[in-house]
Protein backbone atom coordinates (compact mmCIF):
# COMPACT_ATOMS: atom_id res chain seq x y z
CA MET A 1 118.31 106.67 26.97
CA ARG A 2 115.23 106.21 29.14
CA THR A 3 112.84 109.13 29.36
CA ALA A 4 112.18 110.71 32.74
CA ARG A 5 108.70 110.12 34.10
CA SER A 6 108.70 113.49 35.76
CA VAL A 7 110.94 116.45 36.33
CA HIS A 8 109.60 118.70 39.04
CA ALA A 9 109.37 122.31 38.03
CA ALA A 10 110.75 123.75 41.25
CA VAL A 11 114.35 124.83 40.88
CA VAL A 12 116.24 126.25 43.83
CA LEU A 13 119.38 128.32 43.36
CA ILE A 14 121.48 128.14 46.51
CA LEU A 15 123.95 131.00 46.97
CA VAL A 16 127.61 130.14 47.37
CA MET A 17 128.85 129.97 50.97
CA ALA A 18 132.43 129.74 52.10
CA LEU A 19 133.60 126.16 52.23
CA THR A 20 137.30 125.51 51.92
CA ALA A 21 137.82 122.16 50.28
CA ALA A 22 140.05 120.90 47.52
CA CYS A 23 138.63 118.76 44.75
CA GLY A 24 140.75 117.82 41.78
CA GLY A 25 143.62 120.03 42.92
CA LYS A 26 141.96 123.44 43.18
CA ASP A 27 139.39 125.28 45.26
CA SER A 28 136.07 125.67 43.46
CA PHE A 29 132.85 127.27 44.66
CA TYR A 30 129.68 127.00 42.63
CA GLU A 31 126.07 127.94 42.87
CA VAL A 32 123.96 124.80 43.07
CA LYS A 33 120.77 124.07 41.15
CA THR A 34 118.47 121.55 42.81
CA THR A 35 115.91 119.57 40.83
CA VAL A 36 113.95 116.36 41.39
CA VAL A 37 113.79 113.72 38.68
CA SER A 38 112.34 110.25 38.48
CA HIS A 39 111.73 107.34 36.14
CA ALA A 40 109.13 104.59 35.92
CA ASN A 41 111.55 102.29 37.76
CA THR A 42 112.64 104.74 40.47
CA GLN A 43 111.35 106.86 43.30
CA ASP A 44 112.19 110.57 43.34
CA ILE A 45 115.86 111.49 42.95
CA THR A 46 117.06 114.90 44.14
CA VAL A 47 119.85 116.28 41.95
CA PHE A 48 122.36 118.81 43.28
CA GLU A 49 124.07 120.26 40.22
CA PRO A 50 126.95 122.78 40.33
CA GLN A 51 126.46 125.70 37.98
CA GLY A 52 129.82 125.95 36.28
CA THR A 53 132.03 124.60 33.56
CA GLY A 54 132.08 120.85 33.93
CA PRO A 55 131.89 118.05 33.43
CA PHE A 56 132.02 116.96 37.07
CA PRO A 57 132.38 113.66 38.94
CA ILE A 58 129.10 112.17 40.17
CA VAL A 59 128.05 111.00 43.62
CA LEU A 60 125.16 108.72 44.56
CA ALA A 61 124.04 109.63 48.11
CA LEU A 62 121.85 107.16 50.05
CA HIS A 63 119.79 108.22 53.08
CA GLY A 64 118.92 106.22 56.20
CA ILE A 65 116.00 103.95 57.06
CA ASN A 66 112.52 105.49 56.73
CA GLY A 67 114.13 108.59 55.23
CA LYS A 68 114.18 110.40 51.91
CA GLY A 69 116.77 111.85 49.57
CA SER A 70 116.27 115.37 50.86
CA ASP A 71 117.56 114.25 54.28
CA LEU A 72 121.05 114.65 52.84
CA THR A 73 120.47 118.14 51.45
CA GLU A 74 123.11 119.90 53.55
CA LEU A 75 125.81 117.33 52.87
CA ALA A 76 124.92 117.08 49.17
CA THR A 77 124.84 120.86 48.71
CA ARG A 78 128.28 121.30 50.24
CA LEU A 79 129.68 118.59 48.01
CA ALA A 80 128.06 120.11 44.92
CA ARG A 81 129.55 123.53 45.71
CA THR A 82 133.00 122.02 45.27
CA GLY A 83 132.23 120.64 41.81
CA LEU A 84 130.42 117.32 42.23
CA VAL A 85 127.03 116.34 40.81
CA VAL A 86 125.17 114.65 43.66
CA PHE A 87 122.16 112.42 43.08
CA ALA A 88 120.19 111.60 46.25
CA PRO A 89 117.47 109.03 45.54
CA THR A 90 114.61 108.26 47.87
CA TYR A 91 114.18 104.54 48.39
CA ARG A 92 111.63 102.41 50.21
CA SER A 93 113.04 100.85 53.36
CA ASP A 94 110.52 98.46 54.88
CA LEU A 95 112.67 95.63 56.22
CA THR A 96 109.83 93.64 57.81
CA THR A 97 108.95 91.61 54.71
CA ASN A 98 110.77 90.00 51.82
CA GLU A 99 108.79 92.22 49.45
CA GLY A 100 110.09 95.24 51.34
CA LEU A 101 113.67 94.02 51.06
CA LEU A 102 113.30 93.59 47.31
CA GLN A 103 111.78 97.07 46.99
CA THR A 104 114.82 98.54 48.70
CA VAL A 105 117.19 96.83 46.27
CA ILE A 106 115.04 97.78 43.28
CA ASP A 107 114.87 101.42 44.32
CA THR A 108 118.57 101.84 45.02
CA GLU A 109 119.97 99.85 42.11
CA CYS A 110 117.50 101.19 39.54
CA ALA A 111 118.21 104.70 40.78
CA TYR A 112 121.93 104.16 40.22
CA ARG A 113 121.41 102.80 36.73
CA TYR A 114 119.09 105.68 35.85
CA VAL A 115 121.53 108.20 37.32
CA ARG A 116 124.26 106.89 35.03
CA SER A 117 121.96 107.30 32.02
CA ILE A 118 121.22 110.97 32.80
CA ALA A 119 124.53 112.02 34.39
CA ALA A 120 125.71 113.95 31.34
CA ASP A 121 122.43 115.90 31.24
CA HIS A 122 123.37 117.37 34.63
CA GLY A 123 127.04 118.02 33.95
CA GLY A 124 128.26 114.66 35.21
CA ASP A 125 131.22 112.77 33.81
CA LEU A 126 131.27 108.98 34.17
CA ALA A 127 134.92 108.90 33.07
CA GLN A 128 135.83 110.46 36.41
CA PRO A 129 135.56 108.57 39.72
CA VAL A 130 132.01 107.50 40.55
CA THR A 131 131.30 107.68 44.26
CA PHE A 132 128.73 106.04 46.53
CA VAL A 133 128.07 107.89 49.79
CA GLY A 134 125.65 106.39 52.30
CA TRP A 135 124.54 107.25 55.81
CA SER A 136 123.12 104.86 58.42
CA MET A 137 121.26 102.14 56.50
CA GLY A 138 122.39 103.89 53.33
CA ALA A 139 125.98 103.27 54.42
CA THR A 140 125.43 99.52 54.29
CA LEU A 141 123.63 99.77 50.96
CA ALA A 142 126.49 101.87 49.56
CA LEU A 143 129.06 99.36 50.78
CA GLN A 144 127.24 96.26 49.62
CA GLY A 145 125.96 97.80 46.38
CA GLY A 146 129.34 99.29 45.58
CA LEU A 147 131.24 96.05 46.03
CA THR A 148 128.79 93.45 44.70
CA GLU A 149 129.65 93.24 41.02
CA GLU A 150 126.72 91.19 39.72
CA ILE A 151 123.35 92.44 40.89
CA ASP A 152 120.54 90.47 39.26
CA PRO A 153 122.52 89.66 36.09
CA THR A 154 119.64 87.59 34.67
CA GLY A 155 117.12 90.43 34.97
CA GLN A 156 114.66 88.24 36.86
CA VAL A 157 114.18 90.62 39.81
CA LEU A 158 115.00 94.17 38.77
CA PRO A 159 112.79 96.07 36.29
CA CYS A 160 115.87 98.03 35.17
CA VAL A 161 117.66 95.42 33.09
CA GLY A 162 121.41 95.52 32.55
CA GLU A 163 124.66 95.67 34.44
CA VAL A 164 126.67 98.82 35.09
CA PRO A 165 130.13 99.38 36.61
CA ARG A 166 130.38 99.55 40.37
CA ALA A 167 131.62 102.54 42.35
CA ASP A 168 135.23 103.72 42.25
CA VAL A 169 134.89 105.29 45.71
CA ILE A 170 132.62 104.25 48.58
CA VAL A 171 132.15 106.36 51.71
CA ALA A 172 129.99 104.63 54.34
CA ILE A 173 128.92 106.93 57.19
CA SER A 174 127.52 105.75 60.55
CA GLY A 175 126.55 102.31 59.27
CA CYS A 176 124.85 99.52 61.28
CA HIS A 177 126.33 96.98 58.92
CA ASP A 178 125.45 93.67 60.56
CA ASP A 179 122.56 94.68 62.81
CA PHE A 180 119.37 94.74 60.72
CA ASP A 181 116.21 93.00 61.90
CA PHE A 182 115.20 91.08 58.80
CA PRO A 183 112.14 88.81 58.59
CA GLU A 184 112.60 85.10 59.21
CA GLY A 185 113.81 83.38 56.06
CA ALA A 186 114.88 86.66 54.48
CA VAL A 187 115.81 86.30 50.81
CA LEU A 188 118.36 89.13 50.95
CA ASP A 189 121.18 90.23 53.20
CA PHE A 190 122.32 93.84 52.98
CA TYR A 191 125.73 93.01 54.46
CA ASN A 192 127.35 89.95 52.96
CA PRO A 193 131.15 90.12 52.50
CA SER A 194 131.15 86.75 50.70
CA THR A 195 129.62 88.48 47.66
CA TRP A 196 132.09 91.36 47.53
CA GLY A 197 134.13 91.99 44.41
CA ASN A 198 135.26 95.28 42.87
CA LYS A 199 138.70 95.04 44.46
CA ASP A 200 139.79 98.32 42.85
CA ALA A 201 137.33 100.36 44.91
CA HIS A 202 138.63 102.81 47.50
CA VAL A 203 136.49 102.42 50.63
CA VAL A 204 136.29 104.86 53.55
CA LEU A 205 134.27 104.16 56.69
CA VAL A 206 133.30 107.20 58.77
CA HIS A 207 131.86 106.90 62.26
CA GLY A 208 131.28 109.09 65.29
CA ASP A 209 132.81 107.64 68.44
CA ALA A 210 129.73 108.77 70.45
CA ASP A 211 127.22 107.05 68.14
CA THR A 212 124.69 105.09 70.21
CA ASN A 213 122.30 104.33 67.34
CA CYS A 214 124.91 102.38 65.38
CA PRO A 215 127.83 101.81 67.76
CA PRO A 216 131.31 102.34 66.28
CA ARG A 217 132.08 98.62 66.38
CA HIS A 218 130.05 98.23 63.18
CA SER A 219 132.46 100.32 61.12
CA LYS A 220 135.48 98.94 62.95
CA ASP A 221 134.41 95.36 62.21
CA ALA A 222 133.65 96.20 58.58
CA PHE A 223 137.03 97.89 58.24
CA ALA A 224 138.76 94.79 59.61
CA GLU A 225 136.85 92.63 57.13
CA LEU A 226 137.81 94.90 54.24
CA GLN A 227 141.46 94.77 55.28
CA ARG A 228 141.32 91.00 55.60
CA ARG A 229 140.00 90.77 52.05
CA GLY A 230 142.69 93.08 50.66
CA TYR A 231 140.71 96.24 49.95
CA ASP A 232 142.12 99.75 49.85
CA ALA A 233 140.21 100.84 52.95
CA LYS A 234 140.37 103.58 55.54
CA LEU A 235 138.59 104.14 58.86
CA VAL A 236 137.92 107.70 60.04
CA MET A 237 136.62 108.16 63.59
CA LEU A 238 134.97 111.46 64.50
CA PRO A 239 135.61 112.43 68.15
CA GLY A 240 132.46 113.31 70.08
CA ALA A 241 130.15 112.81 67.09
CA ASP A 242 126.86 110.96 67.39
CA HIS A 243 124.88 109.18 64.67
CA PHE A 244 123.52 112.34 63.07
CA ALA A 245 126.33 114.90 63.26
CA PRO A 246 128.33 113.58 60.25
CA VAL A 247 125.43 114.51 57.93
CA PHE A 248 124.71 117.90 59.53
CA HIS A 249 121.79 116.81 61.70
CA GLU A 250 120.89 116.63 65.35
CA GLY A 251 118.67 113.75 66.43
CA ILE A 252 115.62 114.51 68.56
CA ASN A 253 115.34 111.97 71.36
CA GLY A 254 118.00 109.85 69.74
CA GLY A 255 116.31 110.20 66.39
CA LYS A 256 112.95 108.84 67.57
CA GLY A 257 111.53 112.34 67.30
CA GLY A 258 113.11 113.03 63.93
CA MET A 259 116.05 115.25 63.03
CA ILE A 260 116.78 118.95 62.84
CA ALA A 261 119.45 120.60 60.75
CA ALA A 262 122.84 121.29 62.33
CA PRO A 263 124.67 123.24 59.59
CA ASP A 264 127.59 124.14 61.87
CA SER A 265 128.38 120.53 62.77
CA PRO A 266 132.18 120.04 62.94
CA ALA A 267 131.66 116.34 62.24
CA GLY A 268 129.72 117.20 59.09
CA LYS A 269 132.45 119.51 57.87
CA ARG A 270 135.03 116.81 58.53
CA THR A 271 132.93 114.28 56.63
CA VAL A 272 132.84 116.58 53.59
CA GLU A 273 136.64 116.79 53.71
CA VAL A 274 136.92 113.00 53.93
CA ILE A 275 134.69 112.51 50.88
CA LEU A 276 136.58 115.07 48.82
CA ASP A 277 139.93 113.58 49.82
CA ALA A 278 138.74 110.10 48.81
CA ILE A 279 137.62 111.31 45.38
CA ALA A 280 140.83 113.28 44.85
CA SER A 281 142.88 110.19 45.74
CA ALA A 282 140.93 108.14 43.19
CA LYS A 283 141.60 110.78 40.53
CA ASP A 284 145.33 110.61 41.23
CA ARG A 285 145.56 106.89 40.66
CA PRO A 286 147.29 105.78 37.46
């Protein structure tokens, strides 16, 4: 097992709050320990670990463009309270150069591989469904990374050598799946259905019908493509929700001025339910 480059000393214990959600057939509410870990091949990864008798399923949560793992703190904490270990990596997201595109893939894929290597240290159980959750640009990375079975199999690009299983469950939230402004002659495409495999994955697309940053057509078109290719897919539309509400945020000036927390967001609470339902459904499969 690779050795962590750093484990930040700060540990935050978040008191249990009422959140009614079923995971694995029963209601569970845990205190959550938050730590930050990293490896030579990763950026920082925020870990949201339930303090209880595990082991628990794991979730990889991917933030949006120009963001960081802590952007998903509210969503990740609520998931962890129900008995999920959530790993939220920070990744570089400069899409203006080919080097930037490669850095994004390196950061997200190496984070996933490292997360798998340390999951048990945080109460995670890889024998249970592994879930990718992504928001905004992270939604596209979760979808593409969860369905593309061979990512750099020769080890020529990634510094984290080796192949690992893809996600059992993918929840893509507010994605702009085919609308990225890549440099001319880009060597990578973050949305390429022709490379999709992993036909056993359960995929859920979540989108607010009032999203003007990534209009709902993106998830609707991706859902149609998934159906056409025979995936077990579901589309959940959130009435009145904008781009930020599903992850418990409110955008300032459409997000141009940043985000502020919106912990009472109905769309966020519904998104938590959708994620838990998707994982429970994967557990129930033969």
